[in-house]
Amino acid sequence: MPEYKLCELDELQDGEAKGFYHEKGAFFAVIKDGEVYLYRNICPHLGTPLEWQEDQFLDPDGALIQCASHGALFAIETGECLAGPCAGDTLVKAEFKINDNALMLVAS
């Protein structure tokens, strides 16, 4: 499977998120407690990007992913919608690797 570099890991901070627009689609990464999570940047309810402002994917506390369109809240670790019109749905995880301190998208 081909790999595509999204960013250097030092560009990501714990408790923050960063978006990426790539020929393979729109994605965002979140680091929580040292763990990296990568999702497609698509709301399961509306099919729109989750953020209105660049890299603004988290709620004010940085505890959950929040859709800017309708306020749905998603668990960072699983992508499951915990509250909002898409409750029970999940964000689409994207496969990734970390190579030489770089976040690499693994895509077909």
C-alpha atoms as a PDB file:
ATOM      1  CA  MET A   1       0.000   0.000   0.000  1.00  0.00           C
ATOM      2  CA  PRO A   2       1.354   3.433  -0.865  1.00  0.00           C
ATOM      3  CA  GLU A   3       2.245   5.840   1.931  1.00  0.00           C
ATOM      4  CA  TYR A   4       1.898   9.626   1.809  1.00  0.00           C
ATOM      5  CA  LYS A   5       3.560  12.021   4.213  1.00  0.00           C
ATOM      6  CA  LEU A   6       1.085  14.288   6.008  1.00  0.00           C
ATOM      7  CA  CYS A   7       3.414  16.058   8.458  1.00  0.00           C
ATOM      8  CA  GLU A   8       6.292  15.762  10.886  1.00  0.00           C
ATOM      9  CA  LEU A   9       5.154  14.525  14.306  1.00  0.00           C
ATOM     10  CA  ASP A  10       6.581  17.627  15.985  1.00  0.00           C
ATOM     11  CA  GLU A  11       3.954  19.657  14.094  1.00  0.00           C
ATOM     12  CA  LEU A  12       1.298  17.953  16.247  1.00  0.00           C
ATOM     13  CA  GLN A  13       0.783  18.845  19.896  1.00  0.00           C
ATOM     14  CA  ASP A  14      -0.899  16.708  22.543  1.00  0.00           C
ATOM     15  CA  GLY A  15      -4.493  17.869  23.017  1.00  0.00           C
ATOM     16  CA  GLU A  16      -4.672  19.545  19.605  1.00  0.00           C
ATOM     17  CA  ALA A  17      -5.782  18.581  16.105  1.00  0.00           C
ATOM     18  CA  LYS A  18      -4.465  19.344  12.622  1.00  0.00           C
ATOM     19  CA  GLY A  19      -6.201  19.022   9.276  1.00  0.00           C
ATOM     20  CA  PHE A  20      -4.713  17.805   5.994  1.00  0.00           C
ATOM     21  CA  TYR A  21      -6.021  18.125   2.465  1.00  0.00           C
ATOM     22  CA  HIS A  22      -4.487  15.504   0.214  1.00  0.00           C
ATOM     23  CA  GLU A  23      -5.205  14.032  -3.201  1.00  0.00           C
ATOM     24  CA  LYS A  24      -6.583  11.007  -1.298  1.00  0.00           C
ATOM     25  CA  GLY A  25      -9.096  13.184   0.595  1.00  0.00           C
ATOM     26  CA  ALA A  26      -9.420  15.360   3.678  1.00  0.00           C
ATOM     27  CA  PHE A  27      -8.085  14.061   6.991  1.00  0.00           C
ATOM     28  CA  PHE A  28      -7.295  15.269  10.480  1.00  0.00           C
ATOM     29  CA  ALA A  29      -5.042  13.987  13.215  1.00  0.00           C
ATOM     30  CA  VAL A  30      -5.453  14.318  16.967  1.00  0.00           C
ATOM     31  CA  ILE A  31      -2.914  13.474  19.640  1.00  0.00           C
ATOM     32  CA  LYS A  32      -4.351  12.569  23.025  1.00  0.00           C
ATOM     33  CA  ASP A  33      -2.192  11.308  25.873  1.00  0.00           C
ATOM     34  CA  GLY A  34       0.625  10.654  23.403  1.00  0.00           C
ATOM     35  CA  GLU A  35      -1.503   8.521  21.058  1.00  0.00           C
ATOM     36  CA  VAL A  36      -2.130   9.568  17.450  1.00  0.00           C
ATOM     37  CA  TYR A  37      -5.584   9.207  15.872  1.00  0.00           C
ATOM     38  CA  LEU A  38      -6.274   9.891  12.190  1.00  0.00           C
ATOM     39  CA  TYR A  39      -9.753  10.278  10.699  1.00  0.00           C
ATOM     40  CA  ARG A  40     -11.313  11.326   7.425  1.00  0.00           C
ATOM     41  CA  ASN A  41     -12.577  14.889   7.753  1.00  0.00           C
ATOM     42  CA  ILE A  42     -16.213  14.076   6.985  1.00  0.00           C
ATOM     43  CA  CYS A  43     -19.216  14.477   9.279  1.00  0.00           C
ATOM     44  CA  PRO A  44     -21.254  11.234   9.196  1.00  0.00           C
ATOM     45  CA  HIS A  45     -24.473  13.276   9.435  1.00  0.00           C
ATOM     46  CA  LEU A  46     -23.987  15.924   6.725  1.00  0.00           C
ATOM     47  CA  GLY A  47     -20.974  14.675   4.754  1.00  0.00           C
ATOM     48  CA  THR A  48     -19.282  18.058   5.232  1.00  0.00           C
ATOM     49  CA  PRO A  49     -15.895  18.903   6.757  1.00  0.00           C
ATOM     50  CA  LEU A  50     -15.962  18.977  10.545  1.00  0.00           C
ATOM     51  CA  GLU A  51     -14.225  22.338  11.009  1.00  0.00           C
ATOM     52  CA  TRP A  52     -15.099  25.908   9.963  1.00  0.00           C
ATOM     53  CA  GLN A  53     -11.730  27.333  10.937  1.00  0.00           C
ATOM     54  CA  GLU A  54      -8.398  25.758  10.131  1.00  0.00           C
ATOM     55  CA  ASP A  55      -7.414  23.000  12.585  1.00  0.00           C
ATOM     56  CA  GLN A  56     -10.426  23.642  14.880  1.00  0.00           C
ATOM     57  CA  PHE A  57     -11.681  20.077  15.368  1.00  0.00           C
ATOM     58  CA  LEU A  58     -11.971  19.866  19.155  1.00  0.00           C
ATOM     59  CA  ASP A  59     -14.488  21.156  21.677  1.00  0.00           C
ATOM     60  CA  PRO A  60     -13.391  24.075  23.914  1.00  0.00           C
ATOM     61  CA  ASP A  61     -12.026  21.655  26.541  1.00  0.00           C
ATOM     62  CA  GLY A  62     -10.052  19.639  23.970  1.00  0.00           C
ATOM     63  CA  ALA A  63     -11.744  16.499  25.264  1.00  0.00           C
ATOM     64  CA  LEU A  64     -13.906  15.605  22.236  1.00  0.00           C
ATOM     65  CA  ILE A  65     -13.999  16.103  18.482  1.00  0.00           C
ATOM     66  CA  GLN A  66     -16.782  18.564  17.624  1.00  0.00           C
ATOM     67  CA  CYS A  67     -18.552  19.138  14.319  1.00  0.00           C
ATOM     68  CA  ALA A  68     -18.759  22.876  13.673  1.00  0.00           C
ATOM     69  CA  SER A  69     -21.923  22.474  11.544  1.00  0.00           C
ATOM     70  CA  HIS A  70     -24.246  21.097  14.213  1.00  0.00           C
ATOM     71  CA  GLY A  71     -22.199  20.525  17.373  1.00  0.00           C
ATOM     72  CA  ALA A  72     -22.081  16.720  17.318  1.00  0.00           C
ATOM     73  CA  LEU A  73     -19.453  15.368  19.719  1.00  0.00           C
ATOM     74  CA  PHE A  74     -17.195  12.402  18.983  1.00  0.00           C
ATOM     75  CA  ALA A  75     -14.817  10.404  21.193  1.00  0.00           C
ATOM     76  CA  ILE A  76     -11.227  11.041  20.155  1.00  0.00           C
ATOM     77  CA  GLU A  77     -10.146   7.443  20.738  1.00  0.00           C
ATOM     78  CA  THR A  78     -12.923   5.714  18.772  1.00  0.00           C
ATOM     79  CA  GLY A  79     -14.585   8.361  16.583  1.00  0.00           C
ATOM     80  CA  GLU A  80     -17.978   7.347  18.001  1.00  0.00           C
ATOM     81  CA  CYS A  81     -20.607  10.098  18.053  1.00  0.00           C
ATOM     82  CA  LEU A  82     -21.628  10.575  21.676  1.00  0.00           C
ATOM     83  CA  ALA A  83     -24.103  13.438  21.222  1.00  0.00           C
ATOM     84  CA  GLY A  84     -25.865  15.119  18.321  1.00  0.00           C
ATOM     85  CA  PRO A  85     -27.926  14.133  15.293  1.00  0.00           C
ATOM     86  CA  CYS A  86     -25.552  11.333  14.316  1.00  0.00           C
ATOM     87  CA  ALA A  87     -25.360   9.691  17.770  1.00  0.00           C
ATOM     88  CA  GLY A  88     -24.146   6.120  17.415  1.00  0.00           C
ATOM     89  CA  ASP A  89     -22.408   6.744  14.071  1.00  0.00           C
ATOM     90  CA  THR A  90     -18.636   6.918  13.891  1.00  0.00           C
ATOM     91  CA  LEU A  91     -16.017   8.924  12.071  1.00  0.00           C
ATOM     92  CA  VAL A  92     -14.051   6.987   9.463  1.00  0.00           C
ATOM     93  CA  LYS A  93     -10.605   6.030  10.724  1.00  0.00           C
ATOM     94  CA  ALA A  94      -7.726   6.367   8.301  1.00  0.00           C
ATOM     95  CA  GLU A  95      -4.819   3.966   8.283  1.00  0.00           C
ATOM     96  CA  PHE A  96      -1.452   5.491   9.084  1.00  0.00           C
ATOM     97  CA  LYS A  97       2.127   4.703  10.031  1.00  0.00           C
ATOM     98  CA  ILE A  98       4.806   6.687  11.758  1.00  0.00           C
ATOM     99  CA  ASN A  99       8.094   6.550   9.837  1.00  0.00           C
ATOM    100  CA  ASP A 100      11.179   8.595  10.719  1.00  0.00           C
ATOM    101  CA  ASN A 101       9.150  10.956  12.925  1.00  0.00           C
ATOM    102  CA  ALA A 102       6.617  11.572  10.117  1.00  0.00           C
ATOM    103  CA  LEU A 103       2.887  10.836  10.050  1.00  0.00           C
ATOM    104  CA  MET A 104       2.244   8.797   6.917  1.00  0.00           C
ATOM    105  CA  LEU A 105      -1.184   8.128   5.419  1.00  0.00           C
ATOM    106  CA  VAL A 106      -1.505   4.551   4.164  1.00  0.00           C
ATOM    107  CA  ALA A 107      -3.960   4.548   1.265  1.00  0.00           C
ATOM    108  CA  SER A 108      -4.821   2.515  -1.778  1.00  0.00           C
END
